[in-house]
């Protein structure tokens, strides 16, 4: 079991535990992290789990697929290290990862 740090747009930090194999979105929803809605339940269909991964962790999250890229293209606060949390499956190597939450979700 590891920890992920979620940082809201107002700099409020939430440190939560995860189990490998869960998605970033599911961990956020299970821990009531403000700003992560996950309206589509993890189907890569809504963009309400947009996170901005810290640059030093981004490579560990994998490469966004075509559907994810399409959803991210509609996100007003997209950054070069943006991901949809539902598409990031957590591994043990992500212990300590920091993700930032945009002010607004789609």
N, C-alpha and C. Protein backbone atom coordinates (compact mmCIF):
# COMPACT_ATOMS: atom_id res chain seq x y z
N UNK A 1 0.86 -1.18 0.00
CA UNK A 1 0.00 0.00 0.00
C UNK A 1 0.90 1.24 0.00
N UNK A 2 0.54 2.21 -0.83
CA UNK A 2 1.32 3.43 -0.94
C UNK A 2 0.44 4.64 -0.74
N UNK A 3 1.01 5.81 -1.00
CA UNK A 3 0.28 7.07 -0.83
C UNK A 3 0.39 7.94 -2.07
N UNK A 4 -0.69 8.65 -2.34
CA UNK A 4 -0.72 9.67 -3.40
C UNK A 4 -1.11 10.98 -2.74
N UNK A 5 -0.51 12.05 -3.21
CA UNK A 5 -0.82 13.39 -2.70
C UNK A 5 -1.62 14.12 -3.77
N UNK A 6 -2.85 14.48 -3.43
CA UNK A 6 -3.71 15.28 -4.30
C UNK A 6 -3.63 16.72 -3.80
N UNK A 7 -3.36 17.66 -4.70
CA UNK A 7 -3.26 19.07 -4.34
C UNK A 7 -4.33 19.84 -5.10
N UNK A 8 -5.27 20.41 -4.35
CA UNK A 8 -6.33 21.20 -4.97
C UNK A 8 -5.77 22.49 -5.54
N UNK A 9 -6.55 23.17 -6.38
CA UNK A 9 -6.09 24.41 -7.00
C UNK A 9 -5.78 25.49 -5.97
N UNK A 10 -6.37 25.39 -4.76
CA UNK A 10 -6.09 26.37 -3.70
C UNK A 10 -4.94 25.92 -2.79
N UNK A 11 -4.22 24.87 -3.20
CA UNK A 11 -3.04 24.32 -2.54
C UNK A 11 -3.36 23.44 -1.33
N UNK A 12 -4.63 23.12 -1.10
CA UNK A 12 -4.98 22.20 -0.03
C UNK A 12 -4.51 20.81 -0.43
N UNK A 13 -3.78 20.14 0.47
CA UNK A 13 -3.24 18.82 0.18
C UNK A 13 -4.06 17.73 0.86
N UNK A 14 -4.20 16.62 0.15
CA UNK A 14 -4.85 15.43 0.67
C UNK A 14 -3.91 14.27 0.40
N UNK A 15 -3.46 13.62 1.46
CA UNK A 15 -2.59 12.46 1.32
C UNK A 15 -3.45 11.23 1.59
N UNK A 16 -3.55 10.36 0.60
CA UNK A 16 -4.41 9.18 0.73
C UNK A 16 -3.63 7.92 0.37
N UNK A 17 -4.07 6.82 0.94
CA UNK A 17 -3.45 5.53 0.64
C UNK A 17 -4.12 4.89 -0.56
N UNK A 18 -3.35 4.09 -1.28
CA UNK A 18 -3.88 3.37 -2.43
C UNK A 18 -3.42 1.93 -2.39
N UNK A 19 -4.14 1.12 -3.14
CA UNK A 19 -3.70 -0.24 -3.42
C UNK A 19 -3.40 -0.31 -4.91
N UNK A 20 -2.28 -0.89 -5.25
CA UNK A 20 -1.91 -1.04 -6.66
C UNK A 20 -3.04 -1.74 -7.41
N UNK A 21 -3.26 -1.28 -8.63
CA UNK A 21 -4.31 -1.83 -9.47
C UNK A 21 -5.54 -0.95 -9.55
N UNK A 22 -5.69 -0.04 -8.60
CA UNK A 22 -6.80 0.93 -8.64
C UNK A 22 -6.43 2.05 -9.59
N UNK A 23 -7.42 2.83 -10.01
CA UNK A 23 -7.13 4.00 -10.82
C UNK A 23 -7.00 5.22 -9.90
N UNK A 24 -6.33 6.24 -10.41
CA UNK A 24 -6.21 7.49 -9.66
C UNK A 24 -7.61 8.04 -9.36
N UNK A 25 -8.51 7.96 -10.34
CA UNK A 25 -9.88 8.45 -10.14
C UNK A 25 -10.57 7.68 -9.02
N UNK A 26 -10.46 6.36 -9.01
CA UNK A 26 -11.15 5.57 -8.00
C UNK A 26 -10.62 5.87 -6.61
N UNK A 27 -9.33 6.03 -6.47
CA UNK A 27 -8.74 6.38 -5.17
C UNK A 27 -9.27 7.74 -4.72
N UNK A 28 -9.34 8.69 -5.65
CA UNK A 28 -9.85 10.03 -5.31
C UNK A 28 -11.31 9.97 -4.89
N UNK A 29 -12.13 9.26 -5.65
CA UNK A 29 -13.56 9.16 -5.33
C UNK A 29 -13.76 8.44 -4.00
N UNK A 30 -13.04 7.34 -3.79
CA UNK A 30 -13.16 6.58 -2.54
C UNK A 30 -12.77 7.40 -1.32
N UNK A 31 -11.93 8.41 -1.53
CA UNK A 31 -11.47 9.25 -0.42
C UNK A 31 -12.09 10.64 -0.43
N UNK A 32 -13.14 10.82 -1.23
CA UNK A 32 -13.90 12.08 -1.29
C UNK A 32 -12.99 13.29 -1.54
N UNK A 33 -12.08 13.15 -2.48
CA UNK A 33 -11.19 14.25 -2.83
C UNK A 33 -12.02 15.28 -3.60
N UNK A 34 -12.11 16.52 -3.09
CA UNK A 34 -12.87 17.55 -3.81
C UNK A 34 -12.27 17.84 -5.17
N UNK A 35 -13.13 17.96 -6.17
CA UNK A 35 -12.66 18.29 -7.51
C UNK A 35 -12.52 17.11 -8.44
N UNK A 36 -12.69 15.91 -7.93
CA UNK A 36 -12.69 14.72 -8.79
C UNK A 36 -14.08 14.12 -8.70
N UNK A 37 -14.81 14.21 -9.80
CA UNK A 37 -16.18 13.71 -9.81
C UNK A 37 -16.29 12.29 -10.36
N UNK A 38 -15.60 12.01 -11.43
CA UNK A 38 -15.67 10.69 -12.04
C UNK A 38 -17.09 10.34 -12.48
N UNK A 39 -17.75 11.30 -13.11
CA UNK A 39 -19.16 11.14 -13.48
C UNK A 39 -19.44 9.91 -14.34
N UNK A 40 -18.52 9.54 -15.21
CA UNK A 40 -18.78 8.41 -16.11
C UNK A 40 -18.36 7.08 -15.50
N UNK A 41 -17.86 7.10 -14.29
CA UNK A 41 -17.48 5.85 -13.62
C UNK A 41 -16.21 5.22 -14.14
N UNK A 42 -15.39 6.00 -14.80
CA UNK A 42 -14.11 5.48 -15.27
C UNK A 42 -14.11 4.98 -16.70
N UNK A 43 -15.06 5.42 -17.49
CA UNK A 43 -15.18 4.96 -18.88
C UNK A 43 -14.49 5.88 -19.88
N UNK A 44 -13.74 6.87 -19.43
CA UNK A 44 -13.03 7.80 -20.32
C UNK A 44 -14.02 8.53 -21.23
N UNK A 45 -15.15 8.95 -20.64
CA UNK A 45 -16.21 9.56 -21.44
C UNK A 45 -16.66 10.92 -20.95
N UNK A 46 -16.01 11.47 -19.91
CA UNK A 46 -16.54 12.74 -19.42
C UNK A 46 -15.47 13.78 -19.07
N UNK A 47 -14.30 13.38 -18.68
CA UNK A 47 -13.25 14.34 -18.35
C UNK A 47 -13.36 14.94 -16.96
N UNK A 48 -14.22 14.41 -16.08
CA UNK A 48 -14.38 14.99 -14.74
C UNK A 48 -13.41 14.40 -13.72
N UNK A 49 -12.36 13.76 -14.22
CA UNK A 49 -11.31 13.25 -13.33
C UNK A 49 -9.94 13.74 -13.80
N UNK A 50 -9.94 14.89 -14.46
CA UNK A 50 -8.71 15.49 -14.98
C UNK A 50 -7.75 15.78 -13.83
N UNK A 51 -6.54 15.30 -13.96
CA UNK A 51 -5.48 15.61 -13.00
C UNK A 51 -4.25 16.07 -13.78
N UNK A 52 -3.44 16.85 -13.12
CA UNK A 52 -2.18 17.29 -13.71
C UNK A 52 -1.08 16.65 -12.86
N UNK A 53 -0.40 15.71 -13.46
CA UNK A 53 0.61 14.93 -12.75
C UNK A 53 1.90 15.75 -12.67
N UNK A 54 2.52 15.73 -11.52
CA UNK A 54 3.81 16.42 -11.39
C UNK A 54 4.77 15.86 -12.44
N UNK A 55 5.54 16.76 -13.04
CA UNK A 55 6.42 16.38 -14.16
C UNK A 55 7.30 15.18 -13.85
N UNK A 56 7.85 15.11 -12.64
CA UNK A 56 8.76 14.01 -12.31
C UNK A 56 8.05 12.67 -12.18
N UNK A 57 6.74 12.65 -12.13
CA UNK A 57 5.96 11.41 -12.04
C UNK A 57 5.26 11.05 -13.35
N UNK A 58 5.17 11.99 -14.26
CA UNK A 58 4.34 11.82 -15.45
C UNK A 58 4.70 10.56 -16.25
N UNK A 59 5.98 10.28 -16.44
CA UNK A 59 6.39 9.11 -17.23
C UNK A 59 5.88 7.81 -16.64
N UNK A 60 5.73 7.77 -15.33
CA UNK A 60 5.27 6.53 -14.67
C UNK A 60 3.79 6.26 -14.92
N UNK A 61 3.05 7.25 -15.43
CA UNK A 61 1.61 7.07 -15.64
C UNK A 61 1.28 6.45 -16.98
N UNK A 62 2.26 6.27 -17.84
CA UNK A 62 2.01 5.70 -19.15
C UNK A 62 1.69 6.78 -20.18
N UNK A 63 1.23 6.35 -21.32
CA UNK A 63 0.93 7.26 -22.42
C UNK A 63 -0.58 7.33 -22.62
N UNK A 64 -1.14 8.54 -22.71
CA UNK A 64 -2.58 8.65 -22.96
C UNK A 64 -2.95 8.02 -24.31
N UNK A 65 -4.06 7.30 -24.30
CA UNK A 65 -4.57 6.70 -25.54
C UNK A 65 -5.38 7.71 -26.34
N UNK A 66 -5.88 7.28 -27.49
CA UNK A 66 -6.62 8.16 -28.39
C UNK A 66 -7.88 8.76 -27.76
N UNK A 67 -8.67 7.93 -27.09
CA UNK A 67 -9.90 8.44 -26.46
C UNK A 67 -9.57 9.44 -25.36
N UNK A 68 -8.54 9.14 -24.58
CA UNK A 68 -8.13 10.06 -23.52
C UNK A 68 -7.65 11.38 -24.10
N UNK A 69 -6.85 11.31 -25.15
CA UNK A 69 -6.37 12.53 -25.81
C UNK A 69 -7.55 13.37 -26.30
N UNK A 70 -8.55 12.71 -26.85
CA UNK A 70 -9.72 13.42 -27.34
C UNK A 70 -10.44 14.14 -26.19
N UNK A 71 -10.61 13.47 -25.07
CA UNK A 71 -11.27 14.10 -23.92
C UNK A 71 -10.41 15.24 -23.37
N UNK A 72 -9.12 15.03 -23.28
CA UNK A 72 -8.23 16.07 -22.76
C UNK A 72 -8.19 17.29 -23.67
N UNK A 73 -8.39 17.09 -24.97
CA UNK A 73 -8.36 18.22 -25.90
C UNK A 73 -9.48 19.22 -25.62
N UNK A 74 -10.51 18.79 -24.93
CA UNK A 74 -11.64 19.68 -24.59
C UNK A 74 -11.51 20.29 -23.21
N UNK A 75 -10.43 19.99 -22.51
CA UNK A 75 -10.23 20.45 -21.14
C UNK A 75 -9.56 21.81 -21.14
N UNK A 76 -10.22 22.83 -20.59
CA UNK A 76 -9.66 24.19 -20.65
C UNK A 76 -8.36 24.37 -19.88
N UNK A 77 -8.12 23.59 -18.85
CA UNK A 77 -6.91 23.75 -18.05
C UNK A 77 -5.87 22.67 -18.35
N UNK A 78 -5.89 22.15 -19.55
CA UNK A 78 -4.95 21.09 -19.92
C UNK A 78 -3.52 21.58 -19.81
N UNK A 79 -2.68 20.71 -19.30
CA UNK A 79 -1.25 20.98 -19.20
C UNK A 79 -0.51 19.86 -19.93
N UNK A 80 0.77 20.01 -20.11
CA UNK A 80 1.54 18.99 -20.82
C UNK A 80 1.57 17.66 -20.07
N UNK A 81 1.31 17.69 -18.77
CA UNK A 81 1.31 16.45 -17.99
C UNK A 81 -0.10 16.10 -17.49
N UNK A 82 -1.11 16.53 -18.24
CA UNK A 82 -2.50 16.20 -17.88
C UNK A 82 -2.80 14.75 -18.20
N UNK A 83 -3.60 14.15 -17.34
CA UNK A 83 -4.13 12.80 -17.57
C UNK A 83 -5.56 12.76 -17.05
N UNK A 84 -6.33 11.81 -17.52
CA UNK A 84 -7.60 11.51 -16.90
C UNK A 84 -7.32 10.45 -15.84
N UNK A 85 -7.71 10.73 -14.62
CA UNK A 85 -7.41 9.83 -13.52
C UNK A 85 -7.95 8.43 -13.72
N UNK A 86 -9.05 8.31 -14.45
CA UNK A 86 -9.63 6.99 -14.69
C UNK A 86 -8.75 6.13 -15.58
N UNK A 87 -7.83 6.73 -16.30
CA UNK A 87 -6.98 6.01 -17.23
C UNK A 87 -5.59 5.71 -16.66
N UNK A 88 -5.34 6.15 -15.43
CA UNK A 88 -4.04 5.92 -14.81
C UNK A 88 -4.20 4.82 -13.76
N UNK A 89 -3.69 3.64 -14.08
CA UNK A 89 -3.72 2.52 -13.15
C UNK A 89 -2.49 2.63 -12.24
N UNK A 90 -2.74 2.63 -10.97
CA UNK A 90 -1.67 2.86 -9.99
C UNK A 90 -0.83 1.61 -9.80
N UNK A 91 0.48 1.83 -9.78
CA UNK A 91 1.44 0.76 -9.49
C UNK A 91 2.17 1.11 -8.19
N UNK A 92 2.85 0.12 -7.62
CA UNK A 92 3.61 0.37 -6.40
C UNK A 92 4.68 1.43 -6.60
N UNK A 93 5.17 1.58 -7.83
CA UNK A 93 6.19 2.58 -8.14
C UNK A 93 5.67 4.01 -8.01
N UNK A 94 4.35 4.18 -7.89
CA UNK A 94 3.76 5.52 -7.80
C UNK A 94 3.61 6.00 -6.35
N UNK A 95 4.16 5.25 -5.42
CA UNK A 95 4.10 5.66 -4.01
C UNK A 95 4.76 7.02 -3.85
N UNK A 96 3.99 7.99 -3.35
CA UNK A 96 4.48 9.35 -3.16
C UNK A 96 4.15 10.29 -4.30
N UNK A 97 3.48 9.79 -5.34
CA UNK A 97 3.16 10.61 -6.50
C UNK A 97 2.28 11.80 -6.10
N UNK A 98 2.53 12.92 -6.73
CA UNK A 98 1.76 14.14 -6.51
C UNK A 98 0.97 14.46 -7.77
N UNK A 99 -0.33 14.71 -7.59
CA UNK A 99 -1.15 15.16 -8.71
C UNK A 99 -1.87 16.43 -8.29
N UNK A 100 -1.97 17.36 -9.21
CA UNK A 100 -2.65 18.63 -8.97
C UNK A 100 -4.02 18.58 -9.62
N UNK A 101 -4.97 19.23 -8.99
CA UNK A 101 -6.33 19.26 -9.50
C UNK A 101 -6.61 20.62 -10.10
N UNK A 102 -7.19 20.66 -11.28
CA UNK A 102 -7.52 21.95 -11.89
C UNK A 102 -8.65 22.63 -11.11
N UNK A 103 -8.80 23.91 -11.31
CA UNK A 103 -9.86 24.62 -10.62
C UNK A 103 -11.24 24.14 -11.08
N UNK A 104 -11.35 23.83 -12.36
CA UNK A 104 -12.64 23.40 -12.92
C UNK A 104 -12.47 22.10 -13.67
N UNK A 105 -13.47 21.24 -13.55
CA UNK A 105 -13.54 20.02 -14.34
C UNK A 105 -14.53 20.28 -15.47
N UNK A 106 -14.52 19.46 -16.50
CA UNK A 106 -15.45 19.60 -17.62
C UNK A 106 -16.87 19.32 -17.17
